[in-house]
Amino acid sequence: MAQLICTWKKITYLSSEQMKTLSSKVNPNPSAYFQTVHELVGTDSADEIYLSRNWQFSNQLFTNAYRSAEKICYGDSIGIYFAPDSQAFFLPQSLPKQLLTKLSGSFNLTKSMLGYTVLQQIDFDRGYFSLPEILGEKPPMPVTVTDNASLLKIFKQLKSLLAQDYIYQLRQQIGDAPVSILLTSNFSEAGRMTLEQEIEAYREFLLNQEEDGDRRTILIIKPHPRDSSAKIKLLSNNLAEFSQIIILTEKNLFFIPFEVFFTTAFLDDNLKLTNQVKVFAFSSACLALKLLFNVPSFIGFGSEITNKFFAQDYAPGRIKHEQDLKMALTKI
């Protein structure tokens, strides 16, 4: 994606293994520790740092290592700000607040492992968001609201990441049939429910939605980047009621914005739908489709299914998050 958007002198990628090493071997000597970061990145100074948030380990690592850089927040999803205690993470309500904040990071590490004597939470200088306060959280930095035209321009540039043969074959397979798209999330992987409960929750939700639907409807499953392949296969095997199930297995689709795939596969040159499409989402991913294309999204699971399948401590937070998303959709 970076190569398509701009011309760079060099692109450096830090692997998850390198990040885990940095998180577990925080040196109490700041200059020595940050020198290690500089060597891995390939520069000891930076003009700008773009991050989704500033309260997780990886975020704090770079803002501390490059303190003189302008620190810019681009948020989550289409451009939404989430604070550390946001309902979007629906953490267990039975835990004390101090522990909730700690668990909301990328790594569930102790304070000594995170090196809080070295790393500090540094404020952002500016935020670029499409929907800065849509979920009721006011970003704590000056904000520039991005326009739809700029987003669509970027998505158009990224279309070349999709194999055209793959999209052509997909379109041939779908034809003019109605389509339901399931955007899964990593609930079982994150410990919100068991694998079996997540499968059954999706199944019950989808069958409720499609009870009186067109029997020709094709179900497309778009896996979350952190979904296990075993879960997606099991989910597909448990939805035999659909006439056809297509799992988006093209490698790049796990990592590029879903909107890029959606515009390529289901919108014509005038951004009009080529099929009857329903999108079932379980996160803030639902907001972009309404904002950019006025495509209705359906938020799952609802309170009945959530109380039935989610772990007891997580269910209230999940229900509140779904209510917030539904309210947000009415504001777009």
C-alpha atoms as a PDB file:
ATOM      1  CA  MET A   1       0.000   0.000   0.000  1.00  0.00           C
ATOM      2  CA  ALA A   2       2.775   2.418   0.903  1.00  0.00           C
ATOM      3  CA  GLN A   3       4.459   1.972  -2.460  1.00  0.00           C
ATOM      4  CA  LEU A   4       1.256   2.810  -4.342  1.00  0.00           C
ATOM      5  CA  ILE A   5       0.508   5.981  -2.390  1.00  0.00           C
ATOM      6  CA  CYS A   6       3.895   7.701  -2.467  1.00  0.00           C
ATOM      7  CA  THR A   7       7.525   7.433  -3.558  1.00  0.00           C
ATOM      8  CA  TRP A   8       9.865   6.585  -0.700  1.00  0.00           C
ATOM      9  CA  LYS A   9      13.614   6.424  -0.291  1.00  0.00           C
ATOM     10  CA  LYS A  10      13.183   3.305   1.850  1.00  0.00           C
ATOM     11  CA  ILE A  11      10.425   1.280   3.507  1.00  0.00           C
ATOM     12  CA  THR A  12      11.263  -0.597   6.709  1.00  0.00           C
ATOM     13  CA  TYR A  13       8.971  -3.230   8.183  1.00  0.00           C
ATOM     14  CA  LEU A  14       9.279  -4.364  11.806  1.00  0.00           C
ATOM     15  CA  SER A  15       8.009  -7.889  12.314  1.00  0.00           C
ATOM     16  CA  SER A  16       5.824  -8.982  15.213  1.00  0.00           C
ATOM     17  CA  GLU A  17       8.794 -10.975  16.538  1.00  0.00           C
ATOM     18  CA  GLN A  18      10.951  -7.833  16.644  1.00  0.00           C
ATOM     19  CA  MET A  19       8.202  -5.923  18.411  1.00  0.00           C
ATOM     20  CA  LYS A  20       7.783  -8.677  20.985  1.00  0.00           C
ATOM     21  CA  THR A  21      11.520  -8.632  21.611  1.00  0.00           C
ATOM     22  CA  LEU A  22      11.430  -4.873  22.134  1.00  0.00           C
ATOM     23  CA  SER A  23       8.487  -5.187  24.507  1.00  0.00           C
ATOM     24  CA  SER A  24      10.113  -7.889  26.623  1.00  0.00           C
ATOM     25  CA  LYS A  25      13.587  -6.356  26.829  1.00  0.00           C
ATOM     26  CA  VAL A  26      12.942  -2.761  27.758  1.00  0.00           C
ATOM     27  CA  ASN A  27      16.263  -1.262  28.797  1.00  0.00           C
ATOM     28  CA  PRO A  28      16.041   1.054  31.829  1.00  0.00           C
ATOM     29  CA  ASN A  29      18.617   3.230  30.055  1.00  0.00           C
ATOM     30  CA  PRO A  30      16.470   5.310  27.644  1.00  0.00           C
ATOM     31  CA  SER A  31      19.270   6.333  25.278  1.00  0.00           C
ATOM     32  CA  ALA A  32      20.476   2.746  24.820  1.00  0.00           C
ATOM     33  CA  TYR A  33      16.936   1.430  24.384  1.00  0.00           C
ATOM     34  CA  PHE A  34      15.936   4.043  21.825  1.00  0.00           C
ATOM     35  CA  GLN A  35      19.209   3.539  19.964  1.00  0.00           C
ATOM     36  CA  THR A  36      18.098  -0.050  19.401  1.00  0.00           C
ATOM     37  CA  VAL A  37      14.817   1.236  17.974  1.00  0.00           C
ATOM     38  CA  HIS A  38      16.656   3.692  15.717  1.00  0.00           C
ATOM     39  CA  GLU A  39      18.879   0.931  14.374  1.00  0.00           C
ATOM     40  CA  LEU A  40      15.897  -1.315  13.581  1.00  0.00           C
ATOM     41  CA  VAL A  41      13.994   1.500  11.855  1.00  0.00           C
ATOM     42  CA  GLY A  42      17.066   2.833  10.080  1.00  0.00           C
ATOM     43  CA  THR A  43      16.963   6.456  11.234  1.00  0.00           C
ATOM     44  CA  ASP A  44      17.616   8.341  14.451  1.00  0.00           C
ATOM     45  CA  SER A  45      15.175  11.143  13.612  1.00  0.00           C
ATOM     46  CA  ALA A  46      11.683  11.454  12.135  1.00  0.00           C
ATOM     47  CA  ASP A  47       9.636  14.371  10.810  1.00  0.00           C
ATOM     48  CA  GLU A  48       6.205  12.771  11.264  1.00  0.00           C
ATOM     49  CA  ILE A  49       4.751   9.716  12.994  1.00  0.00           C
ATOM     50  CA  TYR A  50       1.288   8.425  12.028  1.00  0.00           C
ATOM     51  CA  LEU A  51      -0.436   6.151  14.554  1.00  0.00           C
ATOM     52  CA  SER A  52      -3.963   4.923  15.229  1.00  0.00           C
ATOM     53  CA  ARG A  53      -3.630   5.635  18.960  1.00  0.00           C
ATOM     54  CA  ASN A  54      -1.010   6.571  21.553  1.00  0.00           C
ATOM     55  CA  TRP A  55      -1.729   4.313  24.516  1.00  0.00           C
ATOM     56  CA  GLN A  56      -0.500   0.894  23.373  1.00  0.00           C
ATOM     57  CA  PHE A  57       3.069  -0.310  23.646  1.00  0.00           C
ATOM     58  CA  SER A  58       4.014  -0.037  19.969  1.00  0.00           C
ATOM     59  CA  ASN A  59       2.575   3.492  19.776  1.00  0.00           C
ATOM     60  CA  GLN A  60       4.426   4.659  22.870  1.00  0.00           C
ATOM     61  CA  LEU A  61       7.628   3.044  21.653  1.00  0.00           C
ATOM     62  CA  PHE A  62       7.804   5.241  18.540  1.00  0.00           C
ATOM     63  CA  THR A  63       6.497   8.470  20.048  1.00  0.00           C
ATOM     64  CA  ASN A  64       9.139   8.197  22.774  1.00  0.00           C
ATOM     65  CA  ALA A  65      11.928   7.155  20.404  1.00  0.00           C
ATOM     66  CA  TYR A  66      11.177  10.098  18.064  1.00  0.00           C
ATOM     67  CA  ARG A  67       9.977  12.812  20.422  1.00  0.00           C
ATOM     68  CA  SER A  68      10.722  15.718  18.089  1.00  0.00           C
ATOM     69  CA  ALA A  69       8.486  14.313  15.307  1.00  0.00           C
ATOM     70  CA  GLU A  70       5.008  15.671  14.672  1.00  0.00           C
ATOM     71  CA  LYS A  71       2.693  12.998  16.070  1.00  0.00           C
ATOM     72  CA  ILE A  72      -0.428  12.453  13.963  1.00  0.00           C
ATOM     73  CA  CYS A  73      -3.405  10.249  14.819  1.00  0.00           C
ATOM     74  CA  TYR A  74      -5.476   8.653  12.036  1.00  0.00           C
ATOM     75  CA  GLY A  75      -7.721   6.612  14.313  1.00  0.00           C
ATOM     76  CA  ASP A  76      -9.445   3.306  13.678  1.00  0.00           C
ATOM     77  CA  SER A  77     -11.601   2.126  10.791  1.00  0.00           C
ATOM     78  CA  ILE A  78     -12.630   4.980   8.489  1.00  0.00           C
ATOM     79  CA  GLY A  79     -11.206   7.549  10.923  1.00  0.00           C
ATOM     80  CA  ILE A  80     -12.619   7.277  14.439  1.00  0.00           C
ATOM     81  CA  TYR A  81     -10.913   8.139  17.698  1.00  0.00           C
ATOM     82  CA  PHE A  82     -10.926   5.528  20.462  1.00  0.00           C
ATOM     83  CA  ALA A  83      -9.725   6.463  23.953  1.00  0.00           C
ATOM     84  CA  PRO A  84      -8.118   3.815  26.228  1.00  0.00           C
ATOM     85  CA  ASP A  85     -11.405   3.299  28.109  1.00  0.00           C
ATOM     86  CA  SER A  86     -13.591   3.284  24.987  1.00  0.00           C
ATOM     87  CA  GLN A  87     -16.678   1.066  24.946  1.00  0.00           C
ATOM     88  CA  ALA A  88     -15.460  -0.166  21.567  1.00  0.00           C
ATOM     89  CA  PHE A  89     -13.185  -2.646  23.342  1.00  0.00           C
ATOM     90  CA  PHE A  90     -15.964  -3.891  25.676  1.00  0.00           C
ATOM     91  CA  LEU A  91     -13.526  -5.163  28.308  1.00  0.00           C
ATOM     92  CA  PRO A  92     -14.761  -7.198  31.316  1.00  0.00           C
ATOM     93  CA  GLN A  93     -16.785  -4.973  33.630  1.00  0.00           C
ATOM     94  CA  SER A  94     -15.874  -7.021  36.673  1.00  0.00           C
ATOM     95  CA  LEU A  95     -12.204  -5.957  36.588  1.00  0.00           C
ATOM     96  CA  PRO A  96     -10.900  -2.818  38.301  1.00  0.00           C
ATOM     97  CA  LYS A  97     -10.408   0.231  36.086  1.00  0.00           C
ATOM     98  CA  GLN A  98      -6.619   0.237  36.411  1.00  0.00           C
ATOM     99  CA  LEU A  99      -6.455  -3.308  35.054  1.00  0.00           C
ATOM    100  CA  LEU A 100      -8.863  -2.513  32.207  1.00  0.00           C
ATOM    101  CA  THR A 101      -6.547   0.203  30.931  1.00  0.00           C
ATOM    102  CA  LYS A 102      -3.582  -2.155  31.055  1.00  0.00           C
ATOM    103  CA  LEU A 103      -5.425  -4.930  29.209  1.00  0.00           C
ATOM    104  CA  SER A 104      -6.501  -2.602  26.414  1.00  0.00           C
ATOM    105  CA  GLY A 105      -2.970  -2.551  24.997  1.00  0.00           C
ATOM    106  CA  SER A 106      -1.629  -4.765  22.233  1.00  0.00           C
ATOM    107  CA  PHE A 107       0.359  -6.852  24.710  1.00  0.00           C
ATOM    108  CA  ASN A 108      -0.896  -8.028  28.079  1.00  0.00           C
ATOM    109  CA  LEU A 109       2.334  -7.214  29.883  1.00  0.00           C
ATOM    110  CA  THR A 110       3.192  -6.027  33.354  1.00  0.00           C
ATOM    111  CA  LYS A 111       4.337  -2.483  34.035  1.00  0.00           C
ATOM    112  CA  SER A 112       7.941  -3.563  34.489  1.00  0.00           C
ATOM    113  CA  MET A 113       7.928  -5.407  31.155  1.00  0.00           C
ATOM    114  CA  LEU A 114       6.467  -2.386  29.405  1.00  0.00           C
ATOM    115  CA  GLY A 115       9.147  -0.191  30.904  1.00  0.00           C
ATOM    116  CA  TYR A 116       6.895   2.619  32.070  1.00  0.00           C
ATOM    117  CA  THR A 117       9.962   4.282  33.566  1.00  0.00           C
ATOM    118  CA  VAL A 118      11.174   4.664  29.969  1.00  0.00           C
ATOM    119  CA  LEU A 119       7.979   4.961  27.882  1.00  0.00           C
ATOM    120  CA  GLN A 120       5.416   7.659  28.448  1.00  0.00           C
ATOM    121  CA  GLN A 121       2.062   8.395  26.850  1.00  0.00           C
ATOM    122  CA  ILE A 122       2.773  11.429  24.686  1.00  0.00           C
ATOM    123  CA  ASP A 123      -0.058  13.548  23.305  1.00  0.00           C
ATOM    124  CA  PHE A 124      -0.780  13.750  19.581  1.00  0.00           C
ATOM    125  CA  ASP A 125      -0.207  17.037  17.773  1.00  0.00           C
ATOM    126  CA  ARG A 126      -3.047  16.537  15.282  1.00  0.00           C
ATOM    127  CA  GLY A 127      -5.711  14.051  14.256  1.00  0.00           C
ATOM    128  CA  TYR A 128      -7.094  13.272  10.801  1.00  0.00           C
ATOM    129  CA  PHE A 129     -10.544  11.675  11.041  1.00  0.00           C
ATOM    130  CA  SER A 130     -13.588  11.205   8.843  1.00  0.00           C
ATOM    131  CA  LEU A 131     -16.011  10.874  11.759  1.00  0.00           C
ATOM    132  CA  PRO A 132     -14.143  12.325  14.751  1.00  0.00           C
ATOM    133  CA  GLU A 133     -16.994  12.354  17.280  1.00  0.00           C
ATOM    134  CA  ILE A 134     -19.464   9.897  15.766  1.00  0.00           C
ATOM    135  CA  LEU A 135     -19.270   7.543  18.764  1.00  0.00           C
ATOM    136  CA  GLY A 136     -19.459  10.302  21.341  1.00  0.00           C
ATOM    137  CA  GLU A 137     -15.726  10.557  22.057  1.00  0.00           C
ATOM    138  CA  LYS A 138     -14.118  13.934  21.502  1.00  0.00           C
ATOM    139  CA  PRO A 139     -10.512  13.581  20.263  1.00  0.00           C
ATOM    140  CA  PRO A 140      -8.087  15.314  22.669  1.00  0.00           C
ATOM    141  CA  MET A 141      -6.087  16.990  19.883  1.00  0.00           C
ATOM    142  CA  PRO A 142      -6.697  19.500  17.054  1.00  0.00           C
ATOM    143  CA  VAL A 143      -8.638  17.707  14.297  1.00  0.00           C
ATOM    144  CA  THR A 144      -8.729  17.897  10.513  1.00  0.00           C
ATOM    145  CA  VAL A 145     -11.797  16.209   9.010  1.00  0.00           C
ATOM    146  CA  THR A 146     -10.907  14.251   5.883  1.00  0.00           C
ATOM    147  CA  ASP A 147     -13.205  14.492   2.873  1.00  0.00           C
ATOM    148  CA  ASN A 148     -14.797  11.577   1.034  1.00  0.00           C
ATOM    149  CA  ALA A 149     -13.200  12.484  -2.284  1.00  0.00           C
ATOM    150  CA  SER A 150      -9.709  12.057  -0.856  1.00  0.00           C
ATOM    151  CA  LEU A 151     -10.593   8.663   0.616  1.00  0.00           C
ATOM    152  CA  LEU A 152     -12.088   7.441  -2.645  1.00  0.00           C
ATOM    153  CA  LYS A 153      -8.987   8.604  -4.509  1.00  0.00           C
ATOM    154  CA  ILE A 154      -6.784   6.523  -2.200  1.00  0.00           C
ATOM    155  CA  PHE A 155      -9.034   3.466  -2.556  1.00  0.00           C
ATOM    156  CA  LYS A 156      -8.824   3.809  -6.340  1.00  0.00           C
ATOM    157  CA  GLN A 157      -5.020   3.827  -6.150  1.00  0.00           C
ATOM    158  CA  LEU A 158      -5.076   0.647  -4.080  1.00  0.00           C
ATOM    159  CA  LYS A 159      -7.240  -1.304  -6.523  1.00  0.00           C
ATOM    160  CA  SER A 160      -4.150  -2.605  -8.288  1.00  0.00           C
ATOM    161  CA  LEU A 161      -3.367  -4.663  -5.185  1.00  0.00           C
ATOM    162  CA  LEU A 162      -6.276  -6.925  -6.096  1.00  0.00           C
ATOM    163  CA  ALA A 163      -5.576  -9.603  -8.670  1.00  0.00           C
ATOM    164  CA  GLN A 164      -7.850  -8.749 -11.591  1.00  0.00           C
ATOM    165  CA  ASP A 165      -8.267 -12.412 -12.516  1.00  0.00           C
ATOM    166  CA  TYR A 166      -9.504 -13.079  -8.983  1.00  0.00           C
ATOM    167  CA  ILE A 167     -12.078 -10.273  -9.169  1.00  0.00           C
ATOM    168  CA  TYR A 168     -13.193 -11.338 -12.663  1.00  0.00           C
ATOM    169  CA  GLN A 169     -13.738 -14.949 -11.590  1.00  0.00           C
ATOM    170  CA  LEU A 170     -15.586 -13.759  -8.485  1.00  0.00           C
ATOM    171  CA  ARG A 171     -17.887 -11.584 -10.574  1.00  0.00           C
ATOM    172  CA  GLN A 172     -18.580 -14.491 -12.943  1.00  0.00           C
ATOM    173  CA  GLN A 173     -19.404 -16.690  -9.969  1.00  0.00           C
ATOM    174  CA  ILE A 174     -21.810 -14.153  -8.476  1.00  0.00           C
ATOM    175  CA  GLY A 175     -23.558 -12.952 -11.621  1.00  0.00           C
ATOM    176  CA  ASP A 176     -26.673 -10.937 -10.753  1.00  0.00           C
ATOM    177  CA  ALA A 177     -27.520 -12.903  -7.603  1.00  0.00           C
ATOM    178  CA  PRO A 178     -28.216 -11.060  -4.330  1.00  0.00           C
ATOM    179  CA  VAL A 179     -25.213 -11.047  -1.999  1.00  0.00           C
ATOM    180  CA  SER A 180     -24.792 -11.034   1.767  1.00  0.00           C
ATOM    181  CA  ILE A 181     -21.323 -10.124   3.051  1.00  0.00           C
ATOM    182  CA  LEU A 182     -20.250 -11.234   6.513  1.00  0.00           C
ATOM    183  CA  LEU A 183     -17.383  -9.227   8.025  1.00  0.00           C
ATOM    184  CA  THR A 184     -16.229 -11.449  10.858  1.00  0.00           C
ATOM    185  CA  SER A 185     -14.306 -10.348  13.926  1.00  0.00           C
ATOM    186  CA  ASN A 186     -11.792 -12.080  16.180  1.00  0.00           C
ATOM    187  CA  PHE A 187     -14.082 -12.635  19.182  1.00  0.00           C
ATOM    188  CA  SER A 188     -12.957 -16.151  20.094  1.00  0.00           C
ATOM    189  CA  GLU A 189      -9.285 -15.379  19.428  1.00  0.00           C
ATOM    190  CA  ALA A 190      -9.614 -12.411  21.828  1.00  0.00           C
ATOM    191  CA  GLY A 191     -11.263 -14.548  24.515  1.00  0.00           C
ATOM    192  CA  ARG A 192     -14.713 -12.915  24.268  1.00  0.00           C
ATOM    193  CA  MET A 193     -16.358 -16.300  23.628  1.00  0.00           C
ATOM    194  CA  THR A 194     -15.381 -19.846  22.705  1.00  0.00           C
ATOM    195  CA  LEU A 195     -14.837 -20.862  19.093  1.00  0.00           C
ATOM    196  CA  GLU A 196     -17.995 -22.968  19.135  1.00  0.00           C
ATOM    197  CA  GLN A 197     -20.005 -20.073  20.566  1.00  0.00           C
ATOM    198  CA  GLU A 198     -18.735 -17.666  17.928  1.00  0.00           C
ATOM    199  CA  ILE A 199     -19.687 -20.039  15.106  1.00  0.00           C
ATOM    200  CA  GLU A 200     -23.147 -20.555  16.532  1.00  0.00           C
ATOM    201  CA  ALA A 201     -23.627 -16.826  17.142  1.00  0.00           C
ATOM    202  CA  TYR A 202     -22.837 -16.000  13.493  1.00  0.00           C
ATOM    203  CA  ARG A 203     -25.072 -18.816  12.315  1.00  0.00           C
ATOM    204  CA  GLU A 204     -28.044 -17.779  14.449  1.00  0.00           C
ATOM    205  CA  PHE A 205     -27.656 -14.114  13.501  1.00  0.00           C
ATOM    206  CA  LEU A 206     -27.402 -14.792   9.758  1.00  0.00           C
ATOM    207  CA  LEU A 207     -30.319 -17.200   9.660  1.00  0.00           C
ATOM    208  CA  ASN A 208     -32.466 -14.673  11.511  1.00  0.00           C
ATOM    209  CA  GLN A 209     -31.522 -12.014   8.949  1.00  0.00           C
ATOM    210  CA  GLU A 210     -32.085 -14.269   5.943  1.00  0.00           C
ATOM    211  CA  GLU A 211     -35.221 -16.035   7.171  1.00  0.00           C
ATOM    212  CA  ASP A 212     -37.437 -14.537   4.479  1.00  0.00           C
ATOM    213  CA  GLY A 213     -34.672 -13.703   2.028  1.00  0.00           C
ATOM    214  CA  ASP A 214     -34.021 -14.693  -1.561  1.00  0.00           C
ATOM    215  CA  ARG A 215     -32.982 -18.369  -1.755  1.00  0.00           C
ATOM    216  CA  ARG A 216     -30.466 -17.442  -4.465  1.00  0.00           C
ATOM    217  CA  THR A 217     -28.503 -15.291  -2.001  1.00  0.00           C
ATOM    218  CA  ILE A 218     -24.749 -15.885  -2.079  1.00  0.00           C
ATOM    219  CA  LEU A 219     -22.882 -15.490   1.209  1.00  0.00           C
ATOM    220  CA  ILE A 220     -19.416 -13.927   1.050  1.00  0.00           C
ATOM    221  CA  ILE A 221     -17.269 -14.289   4.164  1.00  0.00           C
ATOM    222  CA  LYS A 222     -14.569 -11.646   4.641  1.00  0.00           C
ATOM    223  CA  PRO A 223     -12.307 -12.959   7.438  1.00  0.00           C
ATOM    224  CA  HIS A 224     -10.802 -10.640  10.016  1.00  0.00           C
ATOM    225  CA  PRO A 225      -6.973 -10.426   9.651  1.00  0.00           C
ATOM    226  CA  ARG A 226      -6.611 -12.205  13.009  1.00  0.00           C
ATOM    227  CA  ASP A 227      -9.191 -14.929  12.339  1.00  0.00           C
ATOM    228  CA  SER A 228      -7.903 -18.482  12.364  1.00  0.00           C
ATOM    229  CA  SER A 229      -8.284 -20.481   9.154  1.00  0.00           C
ATOM    230  CA  ALA A 230      -9.874 -23.285  11.188  1.00  0.00           C
ATOM    231  CA  LYS A 231     -12.624 -20.928  12.389  1.00  0.00           C
ATOM    232  CA  ILE A 232     -13.489 -19.721   8.884  1.00  0.00           C
ATOM    233  CA  LYS A 233     -13.645 -23.276   7.549  1.00  0.00           C
ATOM    234  CA  LEU A 234     -15.847 -24.364  10.452  1.00  0.00           C
ATOM    235  CA  LEU A 235     -18.109 -21.358   9.930  1.00  0.00           C
ATOM    236  CA  SER A 236     -18.520 -22.158   6.240  1.00  0.00           C
ATOM    237  CA  ASN A 237     -19.376 -25.779   7.037  1.00  0.00           C
ATOM    238  CA  ASN A 238     -22.130 -24.644   9.403  1.00  0.00           C
ATOM    239  CA  LEU A 239     -23.988 -22.400   6.963  1.00  0.00           C
ATOM    240  CA  ALA A 240     -25.293 -24.925   4.468  1.00  0.00           C
ATOM    241  CA  GLU A 241     -28.591 -23.020   4.152  1.00  0.00           C
ATOM    242  CA  PHE A 242     -26.992 -20.574   1.718  1.00  0.00           C
ATOM    243  CA  SER A 243     -27.055 -21.497  -1.959  1.00  0.00           C
ATOM    244  CA  GLN A 244     -23.356 -20.703  -2.243  1.00  0.00           C
ATOM    245  CA  ILE A 245     -20.622 -19.558   0.147  1.00  0.00           C
ATOM    246  CA  ILE A 246     -17.528 -17.704  -1.033  1.00  0.00           C
ATOM    247  CA  ILE A 247     -14.638 -17.124   1.350  1.00  0.00           C
ATOM    248  CA  LEU A 248     -12.335 -14.278   0.388  1.00  0.00           C
ATOM    249  CA  THR A 249      -9.024 -16.110   0.487  1.00  0.00           C
ATOM    250  CA  GLU A 250      -6.998 -13.875  -1.820  1.00  0.00           C
ATOM    251  CA  LYS A 251      -3.998 -13.040   0.367  1.00  0.00           C
ATOM    252  CA  ASN A 252      -4.049  -9.258  -0.019  1.00  0.00           C
ATOM    253  CA  LEU A 253      -7.696  -9.116   1.045  1.00  0.00           C
ATOM    254  CA  PHE A 254      -6.639  -9.875   4.614  1.00  0.00           C
ATOM    255  CA  PHE A 255      -4.659  -6.656   4.815  1.00  0.00           C
ATOM    256  CA  ILE A 256      -6.032  -3.982   2.473  1.00  0.00           C
ATOM    257  CA  PRO A 257      -9.128  -1.955   3.395  1.00  0.00           C
ATOM    258  CA  PHE A 258     -12.373  -3.826   2.778  1.00  0.00           C
ATOM    259  CA  GLU A 259     -13.662  -0.737   0.962  1.00  0.00           C
ATOM    260  CA  VAL A 260     -11.099  -1.324  -1.805  1.00  0.00           C
ATOM    261  CA  PHE A 261     -12.492  -4.793  -2.468  1.00  0.00           C
ATOM    262  CA  PHE A 262     -16.073  -3.552  -2.194  1.00  0.00           C
ATOM    263  CA  THR A 263     -15.654  -0.756  -4.738  1.00  0.00           C
ATOM    264  CA  THR A 264     -13.879  -3.098  -7.158  1.00  0.00           C
ATOM    265  CA  ALA A 265     -16.309  -5.998  -6.918  1.00  0.00           C
ATOM    266  CA  PHE A 266     -19.706  -4.365  -6.363  1.00  0.00           C
ATOM    267  CA  LEU A 267     -19.702  -0.767  -7.609  1.00  0.00           C
ATOM    268  CA  ASP A 268     -19.704   0.565 -11.147  1.00  0.00           C
ATOM    269  CA  ASP A 269     -17.770   3.624 -12.335  1.00  0.00           C
ATOM    270  CA  ASN A 270     -20.481   5.874 -10.870  1.00  0.00           C
ATOM    271  CA  LEU A 271     -20.221   4.149  -7.471  1.00  0.00           C
ATOM    272  CA  LYS A 272     -23.618   2.497  -7.914  1.00  0.00           C
ATOM    273  CA  LEU A 273     -24.270  -1.057  -6.728  1.00  0.00           C
ATOM    274  CA  THR A 274     -24.169  -3.778  -9.382  1.00  0.00           C
ATOM    275  CA  ASN A 275     -25.958  -6.317  -7.130  1.00  0.00           C
ATOM    276  CA  GLN A 276     -28.436  -6.329  -4.295  1.00  0.00           C
ATOM    277  CA  VAL A 277     -26.014  -6.312  -1.360  1.00  0.00           C
ATOM    278  CA  LYS A 278     -26.369  -6.608   2.402  1.00  0.00           C
ATOM    279  CA  VAL A 279     -23.348  -6.161   4.656  1.00  0.00           C
ATOM    280  CA  PHE A 280     -23.358  -7.678   8.142  1.00  0.00           C
ATOM    281  CA  ALA A 281     -20.683  -6.075  10.311  1.00  0.00           C
ATOM    282  CA  PHE A 282     -19.652  -6.408  13.950  1.00  0.00           C
ATOM    283  CA  SER A 283     -17.407  -3.378  14.316  1.00  0.00           C
ATOM    284  CA  SER A 284     -16.964   0.223  13.167  1.00  0.00           C
ATOM    285  CA  ALA A 285     -16.235  -1.149   9.657  1.00  0.00           C
ATOM    286  CA  CYS A 286     -19.956  -0.658   9.033  1.00  0.00           C
ATOM    287  CA  LEU A 287     -19.635   3.140   9.064  1.00  0.00           C
ATOM    288  CA  ALA A 288     -17.500   3.544   5.943  1.00  0.00           C
ATOM    289  CA  LEU A 289     -20.003   1.852   3.646  1.00  0.00           C
ATOM    290  CA  LYS A 290     -22.765   4.217   4.752  1.00  0.00           C
ATOM    291  CA  LEU A 291     -20.516   7.284   4.654  1.00  0.00           C
ATOM    292  CA  LEU A 292     -18.918   6.697   1.249  1.00  0.00           C
ATOM    293  CA  PHE A 293     -21.493   4.700  -0.713  1.00  0.00           C
ATOM    294  CA  ASN A 294     -24.765   4.978   1.236  1.00  0.00           C
ATOM    295  CA  VAL A 295     -24.833   1.186   1.454  1.00  0.00           C
ATOM    296  CA  PRO A 296     -26.834  -0.052   4.469  1.00  0.00           C
ATOM    297  CA  SER A 297     -24.970  -2.110   7.043  1.00  0.00           C
ATOM    298  CA  PHE A 298     -26.542  -4.373   9.614  1.00  0.00           C
ATOM    299  CA  ILE A 299     -24.906  -4.467  13.032  1.00  0.00           C
ATOM    300  CA  GLY A 300     -24.813  -7.783  14.858  1.00  0.00           C
ATOM    301  CA  PHE A 301     -25.441  -9.572  17.072  1.00  0.00           C
ATOM    302  CA  GLY A 302     -28.222  -7.968  19.112  1.00  0.00           C
ATOM    303  CA  SER A 303     -28.751  -8.316  22.847  1.00  0.00           C
ATOM    304  CA  GLU A 304     -30.404 -11.767  22.772  1.00  0.00           C
ATOM    305  CA  ILE A 305     -27.582 -13.501  20.875  1.00  0.00           C
ATOM    306  CA  THR A 306     -24.912 -11.533  22.755  1.00  0.00           C
ATOM    307  CA  ASN A 307     -26.258 -12.560  26.169  1.00  0.00           C
ATOM    308  CA  LYS A 308     -26.586 -16.146  24.936  1.00  0.00           C
ATOM    309  CA  PHE A 309     -23.077 -16.635  23.547  1.00  0.00           C
ATOM    310  CA  PHE A 310     -20.642 -14.005  24.854  1.00  0.00           C
ATOM    311  CA  ALA A 311     -18.785 -14.511  28.131  1.00  0.00           C
ATOM    312  CA  GLN A 312     -20.840 -12.991  30.926  1.00  0.00           C
ATOM    313  CA  ASP A 313     -18.349 -10.221  31.750  1.00  0.00           C
ATOM    314  CA  TYR A 314     -18.099  -9.096  28.124  1.00  0.00           C
ATOM    315  CA  ALA A 315     -21.771  -9.141  27.137  1.00  0.00           C
ATOM    316  CA  PRO A 316     -22.846  -5.744  28.623  1.00  0.00           C
ATOM    317  CA  GLY A 317     -19.964  -3.898  26.968  1.00  0.00           C
ATOM    318  CA  ARG A 318     -20.662  -5.609  23.647  1.00  0.00           C
ATOM    319  CA  ILE A 319     -24.336  -4.631  23.770  1.00  0.00           C
ATOM    320  CA  LYS A 320     -23.402  -1.002  24.529  1.00  0.00           C
ATOM    321  CA  HIS A 321     -20.933  -0.958  21.618  1.00  0.00           C
ATOM    322  CA  GLU A 322     -23.580  -2.251  19.217  1.00  0.00           C
ATOM    323  CA  GLN A 323     -26.016   0.412  20.410  1.00  0.00           C
ATOM    324  CA  ASP A 324     -23.365   3.090  19.822  1.00  0.00           C
ATOM    325  CA  LEU A 325     -22.717   1.837  16.273  1.00  0.00           C
ATOM    326  CA  LYS A 326     -26.412   1.760  15.416  1.00  0.00           C
ATOM    327  CA  MET A 327     -26.789   5.303  16.716  1.00  0.00           C
ATOM    328  CA  ALA A 328     -23.733   6.387  14.718  1.00  0.00           C
ATOM    329  CA  LEU A 329     -25.247   5.028  11.501  1.00  0.00           C
ATOM    330  CA  THR A 330     -28.305   7.229  12.000  1.00  0.00           C
ATOM    331  CA  LYS A 331     -26.030  10.307  12.191  1.00  0.00           C
ATOM    332  CA  ILE A 332     -24.316   9.755   8.831  1.00  0.00           C
END
